[in-house]
All heavy atoms as atom14 arrays in JSON, in Angstrom:
{
  "sequence": "MEKLSALGKLTGSISHEFNNPLQGIKGILEAL",
  "atom14_mask": [
    [1, 1, 1, 1, 1, 1, 1, 1, 0, 0, 0, 0, 0, 0],
    [1, 1, 1, 1, 1, 1, 1, 1, 1, 0, 0, 0, 0, 0],
    [1, 1, 1, 1, 1, 1, 1, 1, 1, 0, 0, 0, 0, 0],
    [1, 1, 1, 1, 1, 1, 1, 1, 0, 0, 0, 0, 0, 0],
    [1, 1, 1, 1, 1, 1, 0, 0, 0, 0, 0, 0, 0, 0],
    [1, 1, 1, 1, 1, 0, 0, 0, 0, 0, 0, 0, 0, 0],
    [1, 1, 1, 1, 1, 1, 1, 1, 0, 0, 0, 0, 0, 0],
    [1, 1, 1, 1, 0, 0, 0, 0, 0, 0, 0, 0, 0, 0],
    [1, 1, 1, 1, 1, 1, 1, 1, 1, 0, 0, 0, 0, 0],
    [1, 1, 1, 1, 1, 1, 1, 1, 0, 0, 0, 0, 0, 0],
    [1, 1, 1, 1, 1, 1, 1, 0, 0, 0, 0, 0, 0, 0],
    [1, 1, 1, 1, 0, 0, 0, 0, 0, 0, 0, 0, 0, 0],
    [1, 1, 1, 1, 1, 1, 0, 0, 0, 0, 0, 0, 0, 0],
    [1, 1, 1, 1, 1, 1, 1, 1, 0, 0, 0, 0, 0, 0],
    [1, 1, 1, 1, 1, 1, 0, 0, 0, 0, 0, 0, 0, 0],
    [1, 1, 1, 1, 1, 1, 1, 1, 1, 1, 0, 0, 0, 0],
    [1, 1, 1, 1, 1, 1, 1, 1, 1, 0, 0, 0, 0, 0],
    [1, 1, 1, 1, 1, 1, 1, 1, 1, 1, 1, 0, 0, 0],
    [1, 1, 1, 1, 1, 1, 1, 1, 0, 0, 0, 0, 0, 0],
    [1, 1, 1, 1, 1, 1, 1, 1, 0, 0, 0, 0, 0, 0],
    [1, 1, 1, 1, 1, 1, 1, 0, 0, 0, 0, 0, 0, 0],
    [1, 1, 1, 1, 1, 1, 1, 1, 0, 0, 0, 0, 0, 0],
    [1, 1, 1, 1, 1, 1, 1, 1, 1, 0, 0, 0, 0, 0],
    [1, 1, 1, 1, 0, 0, 0, 0, 0, 0, 0, 0, 0, 0],
    [1, 1, 1, 1, 1, 1, 1, 1, 0, 0, 0, 0, 0, 0],
    [1, 1, 1, 1, 1, 1, 1, 1, 1, 0, 0, 0, 0, 0],
    [1, 1, 1, 1, 0, 0, 0, 0, 0, 0, 0, 0, 0, 0],
    [1, 1, 1, 1, 1, 1, 1, 1, 0, 0, 0, 0, 0, 0],
    [1, 1, 1, 1, 1, 1, 1, 1, 0, 0, 0, 0, 0, 0],
    [1, 1, 1, 1, 1, 1, 1, 1, 1, 0, 0, 0, 0, 0],
    [1, 1, 1, 1, 1, 0, 0, 0, 0, 0, 0, 0, 0, 0],
    [1, 1, 1, 1, 1, 1, 1, 1, 0, 0, 0, 0, 0, 0]
  ],
  "atom14_positions": [
    [[9.4, 20.61, -6.89], [9.98, 19.74, -5.76], [8.97, 19.56, -4.67], [8.93, 18.55, -4.06], [11.2, 20.32, -5.36], [12.48, 20.29, -6.22], [12.82, 18.63, -6.66], [12.31, 18.52, -8.49], [0.0, 0.0, 0.0], [0.0, 0.0, 0.0], [0.0, 0.0, 0.0], [0.0, 0.0, 0.0], [0.0, 0.0, 0.0], [0.0, 0.0, 0.0]],
    [[8.21, 20.69, -4.36], [7.22, 20.54, -3.32], [6.09, 19.61, -3.67], [5.6, 18.89, -2.96], [6.54, 22.03, -3.12], [7.56, 22.95, -2.35], [6.91, 24.39, -2.26], [5.81, 24.54, -2.67], [7.6, 25.26, -1.78], [0.0, 0.0, 0.0], [0.0, 0.0, 0.0], [0.0, 0.0, 0.0], [0.0, 0.0, 0.0], [0.0, 0.0, 0.0]],
    [[5.64, 19.69, -5.07], [4.76, 18.6, -5.52], [5.25, 17.22, -5.43], [4.42, 16.32, -5.02], [4.41, 18.97, -7.02], [3.5, 20.3, -7.17], [3.17, 20.42, -8.64], [2.21, 21.7, -8.77], [1.94, 21.88, -10.28], [0.0, 0.0, 0.0], [0.0, 0.0, 0.0], [0.0, 0.0, 0.0], [0.0, 0.0, 0.0], [0.0, 0.0, 0.0]],
    [[6.53, 17.02, -5.74], [7.01, 15.77, -5.65], [7.09, 15.2, -4.19], [6.82, 14.02, -3.85], [8.64, 15.81, -6.11], [8.79, 15.6, -7.6], [10.37, 15.55, -7.8], [8.24, 14.32, -8.01], [0.0, 0.0, 0.0], [0.0, 0.0, 0.0], [0.0, 0.0, 0.0], [0.0, 0.0, 0.0], [0.0, 0.0, 0.0], [0.0, 0.0, 0.0]],
    [[7.44, 16.17, -3.25], [7.27, 15.83, -1.8], [6.01, 15.42, -1.39], [5.83, 14.39, -0.64], [7.87, 16.95, -1.03], [7.78, 16.63, 0.43], [0.0, 0.0, 0.0], [0.0, 0.0, 0.0], [0.0, 0.0, 0.0], [0.0, 0.0, 0.0], [0.0, 0.0, 0.0], [0.0, 0.0, 0.0], [0.0, 0.0, 0.0], [0.0, 0.0, 0.0]],
    [[4.99, 16.2, -1.74], [3.57, 15.87, -1.43], [3.13, 14.62, -2.12], [2.45, 13.75, -1.41], [2.71, 17.03, -1.83], [0.0, 0.0, 0.0], [0.0, 0.0, 0.0], [0.0, 0.0, 0.0], [0.0, 0.0, 0.0], [0.0, 0.0, 0.0], [0.0, 0.0, 0.0], [0.0, 0.0, 0.0], [0.0, 0.0, 0.0], [0.0, 0.0, 0.0]],
    [[3.53, 14.3, -3.33], [3.25, 13.04, -3.99], [3.86, 11.89, -3.24], [3.29, 10.85, -3.19], [3.72, 13.17, -5.43], [3.37, 11.9, -6.47], [1.85, 11.64, -6.37], [3.97, 12.19, -7.78], [0.0, 0.0, 0.0], [0.0, 0.0, 0.0], [0.0, 0.0, 0.0], [0.0, 0.0, 0.0], [0.0, 0.0, 0.0], [0.0, 0.0, 0.0]],
    [[5.16, 12.12, -2.78], [5.75, 11.08, -2.07], [5.06, 10.6, -0.76], [4.81, 9.5, -0.51], [0.0, 0.0, 0.0], [0.0, 0.0, 0.0], [0.0, 0.0, 0.0], [0.0, 0.0, 0.0], [0.0, 0.0, 0.0], [0.0, 0.0, 0.0], [0.0, 0.0, 0.0], [0.0, 0.0, 0.0], [0.0, 0.0, 0.0], [0.0, 0.0, 0.0]],
    [[4.54, 11.63, -0.16], [3.8, 11.28, 1.19], [2.43, 10.7, 0.9], [2.09, 9.7, 1.5], [3.53, 12.55, 1.91], [4.74, 13.24, 2.54], [4.53, 14.56, 3.13], [5.76, 15.29, 3.58], [5.62, 16.68, 4.14], [0.0, 0.0, 0.0], [0.0, 0.0, 0.0], [0.0, 0.0, 0.0], [0.0, 0.0, 0.0], [0.0, 0.0, 0.0]],
    [[1.81, 11.11, -0.28], [0.51, 10.52, -0.61], [0.72, 9.01, -1.07], [-0.01, 8.1, -0.68], [-0.04, 11.34, -1.79], [-1.34, 10.82, -2.39], [-2.48, 10.74, -1.22], [-1.75, 11.62, -3.5], [0.0, 0.0, 0.0], [0.0, 0.0, 0.0], [0.0, 0.0, 0.0], [0.0, 0.0, 0.0], [0.0, 0.0, 0.0], [0.0, 0.0, 0.0]],
    [[1.74, 8.91, -1.83], [2.17, 7.57, -2.48], [2.43, 6.66, -1.22], [1.95, 5.35, -1.22], [3.3, 7.54, -3.36], [2.94, 8.45, -4.48], [3.45, 6.2, -3.95], [0.0, 0.0, 0.0], [0.0, 0.0, 0.0], [0.0, 0.0, 0.0], [0.0, 0.0, 0.0], [0.0, 0.0, 0.0], [0.0, 0.0, 0.0], [0.0, 0.0, 0.0]],
    [[3.14, 7.03, -0.25], [3.48, 6.2, 0.93], [2.11, 5.86, 1.68], [2.11, 4.66, 2.16], [0.0, 0.0, 0.0], [0.0, 0.0, 0.0], [0.0, 0.0, 0.0], [0.0, 0.0, 0.0], [0.0, 0.0, 0.0], [0.0, 0.0, 0.0], [0.0, 0.0, 0.0], [0.0, 0.0, 0.0], [0.0, 0.0, 0.0], [0.0, 0.0, 0.0]],
    [[1.24, 6.73, 1.84], [0.05, 6.4, 2.5], [-0.8, 5.44, 1.7], [-1.34, 4.44, 2.33], [-0.78, 7.74, 2.7], [-2.11, 7.43, 3.34], [0.0, 0.0, 0.0], [0.0, 0.0, 0.0], [0.0, 0.0, 0.0], [0.0, 0.0, 0.0], [0.0, 0.0, 0.0], [0.0, 0.0, 0.0], [0.0, 0.0, 0.0], [0.0, 0.0, 0.0]],
    [[-0.86, 5.65, 0.41], [-1.66, 4.84, -0.46], [-1.14, 3.41, -0.45], [-1.73, 2.3, -0.56], [-1.85, 5.37, -1.86], [-2.58, 6.71, -1.92], [-2.5, 4.4, -2.92], [-2.77, 7.34, -3.26], [0.0, 0.0, 0.0], [0.0, 0.0, 0.0], [0.0, 0.0, 0.0], [0.0, 0.0, 0.0], [0.0, 0.0, 0.0], [0.0, 0.0, 0.0]],
    [[0.26, 3.41, -0.57], [0.92, 2.0, -0.61], [0.66, 1.27, 0.59], [0.38, 0.0, 0.51], [2.41, 2.28, -0.7], [2.75, 2.85, -1.92], [0.0, 0.0, 0.0], [0.0, 0.0, 0.0], [0.0, 0.0, 0.0], [0.0, 0.0, 0.0], [0.0, 0.0, 0.0], [0.0, 0.0, 0.0], [0.0, 0.0, 0.0], [0.0, 0.0, 0.0]],
    [[0.65, 1.86, 1.76], [0.32, 1.26, 3.0], [-1.08, 0.7, 2.97], [-1.26, -0.46, 3.48], [0.53, 2.2, 4.15], [0.18, 1.65, 5.47], [1.0, 0.76, 6.18], [-0.85, 1.8, 6.33], [0.47, 0.42, 7.39], [-0.71, 1.08, 7.47], [0.0, 0.0, 0.0], [0.0, 0.0, 0.0], [0.0, 0.0, 0.0], [0.0, 0.0, 0.0]],
    [[-2.12, 1.53, 2.63], [-3.42, 1.05, 2.42], [-3.64, -0.15, 1.5], [-4.44, -0.95, 1.84], [-4.38, 2.22, 2.06], [-4.36, 3.45, 3.19], [-4.95, 2.88, 4.53], [-5.88, 2.17, 4.54], [-4.49, 3.48, 5.42], [0.0, 0.0, 0.0], [0.0, 0.0, 0.0], [0.0, 0.0, 0.0], [0.0, 0.0, 0.0], [0.0, 0.0, 0.0]],
    [[-3.02, -0.1, 0.47], [-3.11, -1.19, -0.53], [-2.37, -2.51, -0.05], [-2.85, -3.55, -0.28], [-2.42, -0.78, -1.85], [-3.39, 0.04, -2.73], [-4.4, 0.81, -2.15], [-3.1, 0.17, -4.12], [-5.28, 1.52, -2.89], [-4.05, 0.88, -4.95], [-5.02, 1.62, -4.33], [0.0, 0.0, 0.0], [0.0, 0.0, 0.0], [0.0, 0.0, 0.0]],
    [[-1.28, -2.45, 0.62], [-0.52, -3.48, 1.0], [-1.15, -4.31, 2.04], [-1.08, -5.53, 1.99], [0.94, -3.03, 1.65], [1.97, -4.01, 1.61], [2.17, -4.64, 0.65], [2.5, -4.29, 2.78], [0.0, 0.0, 0.0], [0.0, 0.0, 0.0], [0.0, 0.0, 0.0], [0.0, 0.0, 0.0], [0.0, 0.0, 0.0], [0.0, 0.0, 0.0]],
    [[-2.01, -3.73, 3.01], [-2.59, -4.47, 3.96], [-3.66, -5.49, 3.41], [-3.6, -6.65, 3.76], [-3.41, -3.6, 5.03], [-2.38, -2.8, 5.97], [-1.24, -3.33, 6.11], [-2.72, -1.8, 6.6], [0.0, 0.0, 0.0], [0.0, 0.0, 0.0], [0.0, 0.0, 0.0], [0.0, 0.0, 0.0], [0.0, 0.0, 0.0], [0.0, 0.0, 0.0]],
    [[-4.5, -5.06, 2.53], [-5.49, -5.98, 1.9], [-4.81, -7.08, 1.09], [-5.2, -8.27, 1.06], [-6.43, -5.2, 1.05], [-5.87, -3.92, 0.95], [-4.98, -3.66, 2.11], [0.0, 0.0, 0.0], [0.0, 0.0, 0.0], [0.0, 0.0, 0.0], [0.0, 0.0, 0.0], [0.0, 0.0, 0.0], [0.0, 0.0, 0.0], [0.0, 0.0, 0.0]],
    [[-3.7, -6.63, 0.48], [-2.89, -7.66, -0.32], [-2.35, -8.73, 0.49], [-2.41, -9.96, 0.13], [-1.76, -6.89, -1.08], [-2.05, -6.32, -2.55], [-0.68, -5.7, -3.03], [-2.52, -7.45, -3.4], [0.0, 0.0, 0.0], [0.0, 0.0, 0.0], [0.0, 0.0, 0.0], [0.0, 0.0, 0.0], [0.0, 0.0, 0.0], [0.0, 0.0, 0.0]],
    [[-1.83, -8.36, 1.75], [-1.38, -9.39, 2.6], [-2.46, -10.31, 3.03], [-2.2, -11.5, 3.25], [-0.59, -8.68, 3.78], [0.67, -7.95, 3.33], [1.58, -8.85, 2.58], [1.95, -9.9, 2.92], [2.22, -8.31, 1.49], [0.0, 0.0, 0.0], [0.0, 0.0, 0.0], [0.0, 0.0, 0.0], [0.0, 0.0, 0.0], [0.0, 0.0, 0.0]],
    [[-3.68, -9.71, 3.25], [-4.68, -10.57, 3.67], [-5.11, -11.56, 2.48], [-5.44, -12.68, 2.84], [0.0, 0.0, 0.0], [0.0, 0.0, 0.0], [0.0, 0.0, 0.0], [0.0, 0.0, 0.0], [0.0, 0.0, 0.0], [0.0, 0.0, 0.0], [0.0, 0.0, 0.0], [0.0, 0.0, 0.0], [0.0, 0.0, 0.0], [0.0, 0.0, 0.0]],
    [[-5.09, -11.09, 1.26], [-5.38, -11.9, 0.16], [-4.52, -13.1, 0.13], [-4.71, -14.22, -0.1], [-5.56, -11.17, -1.1], [-6.72, -10.17, -1.12], [-5.53, -12.09, -2.28], [-6.66, -9.2, -2.2], [0.0, 0.0, 0.0], [0.0, 0.0, 0.0], [0.0, 0.0, 0.0], [0.0, 0.0, 0.0], [0.0, 0.0, 0.0], [0.0, 0.0, 0.0]],
    [[-3.17, -12.74, 0.36], [-2.04, -13.65, 0.26], [-2.25, -14.71, 1.41], [-2.08, -15.98, 1.05], [-0.75, -13.05, 0.33], [0.32, -13.9, 0.1], [1.72, -13.32, -0.03], [2.83, -14.37, -0.37], [4.1, -13.8, -0.44], [0.0, 0.0, 0.0], [0.0, 0.0, 0.0], [0.0, 0.0, 0.0], [0.0, 0.0, 0.0], [0.0, 0.0, 0.0]],
    [[-2.72, -14.28, 2.45], [-2.89, -15.24, 3.61], [-4.14, -16.22, 3.21], [-4.02, -17.38, 3.59], [0.0, 0.0, 0.0], [0.0, 0.0, 0.0], [0.0, 0.0, 0.0], [0.0, 0.0, 0.0], [0.0, 0.0, 0.0], [0.0, 0.0, 0.0], [0.0, 0.0, 0.0], [0.0, 0.0, 0.0], [0.0, 0.0, 0.0], [0.0, 0.0, 0.0]],
    [[-5.22, -15.75, 2.61], [-6.28, -16.57, 2.26], [-5.84, -17.63, 1.26], [-6.11, -18.77, 1.3], [-7.46, -15.74, 1.72], [-7.88, -14.81, 2.84], [-8.54, -16.53, 1.13], [-8.93, -13.75, 2.34], [0.0, 0.0, 0.0], [0.0, 0.0, 0.0], [0.0, 0.0, 0.0], [0.0, 0.0, 0.0], [0.0, 0.0, 0.0], [0.0, 0.0, 0.0]],
    [[-4.95, -17.15, 0.19], [-4.47, -18.01, -0.65], [-3.6, -19.2, -0.25], [-3.62, -20.3, -0.58], [-3.76, -17.36, -1.78], [-4.55, -16.3, -2.77], [-3.54, -15.42, -3.65], [-5.54, -17.09, -3.62], [0.0, 0.0, 0.0], [0.0, 0.0, 0.0], [0.0, 0.0, 0.0], [0.0, 0.0, 0.0], [0.0, 0.0, 0.0], [0.0, 0.0, 0.0]],
    [[-2.79, -18.79, 0.83], [-1.88, -19.79, 1.46], [-2.79, -20.79, 2.18], [-2.49, -22.08, 2.27], [-0.85, -19.15, 2.33], [0.2, -18.36, 1.6], [1.17, -17.53, 2.49], [0.8, -17.47, 3.63], [2.12, -17.13, 2.04], [0.0, 0.0, 0.0], [0.0, 0.0, 0.0], [0.0, 0.0, 0.0], [0.0, 0.0, 0.0], [0.0, 0.0, 0.0]],
    [[-3.88, -20.32, 2.84], [-4.79, -21.26, 3.61], [-5.46, -22.18, 2.62], [-5.54, -23.34, 2.98], [-5.73, -20.35, 4.46], [0.0, 0.0, 0.0], [0.0, 0.0, 0.0], [0.0, 0.0, 0.0], [0.0, 0.0, 0.0], [0.0, 0.0, 0.0], [0.0, 0.0, 0.0], [0.0, 0.0, 0.0], [0.0, 0.0, 0.0], [0.0, 0.0, 0.0]],
    [[-5.88, -21.57, 1.56], [-6.55, -22.42, 0.64], [-5.64, -23.62, -0.04], [-6.07, -24.69, -0.2], [-7.11, -21.67, -0.54], [-8.21, -20.81, -0.28], [-8.62, -19.8, -1.49], [-9.56, -21.74, -0.12], [0.0, 0.0, 0.0], [0.0, 0.0, 0.0], [0.0, 0.0, 0.0], [0.0, 0.0, 0.0], [0.0, 0.0, 0.0], [0.0, 0.0, 0.0]]
  ]
}
């Protein structure tokens, strides 16, 4: 359970980092 909790926090952090550039890519595609 402790590992799951740590994994949850790590996944949340990684998701945030991945989501930002994805939104940037989507903005570029809409502009194109």
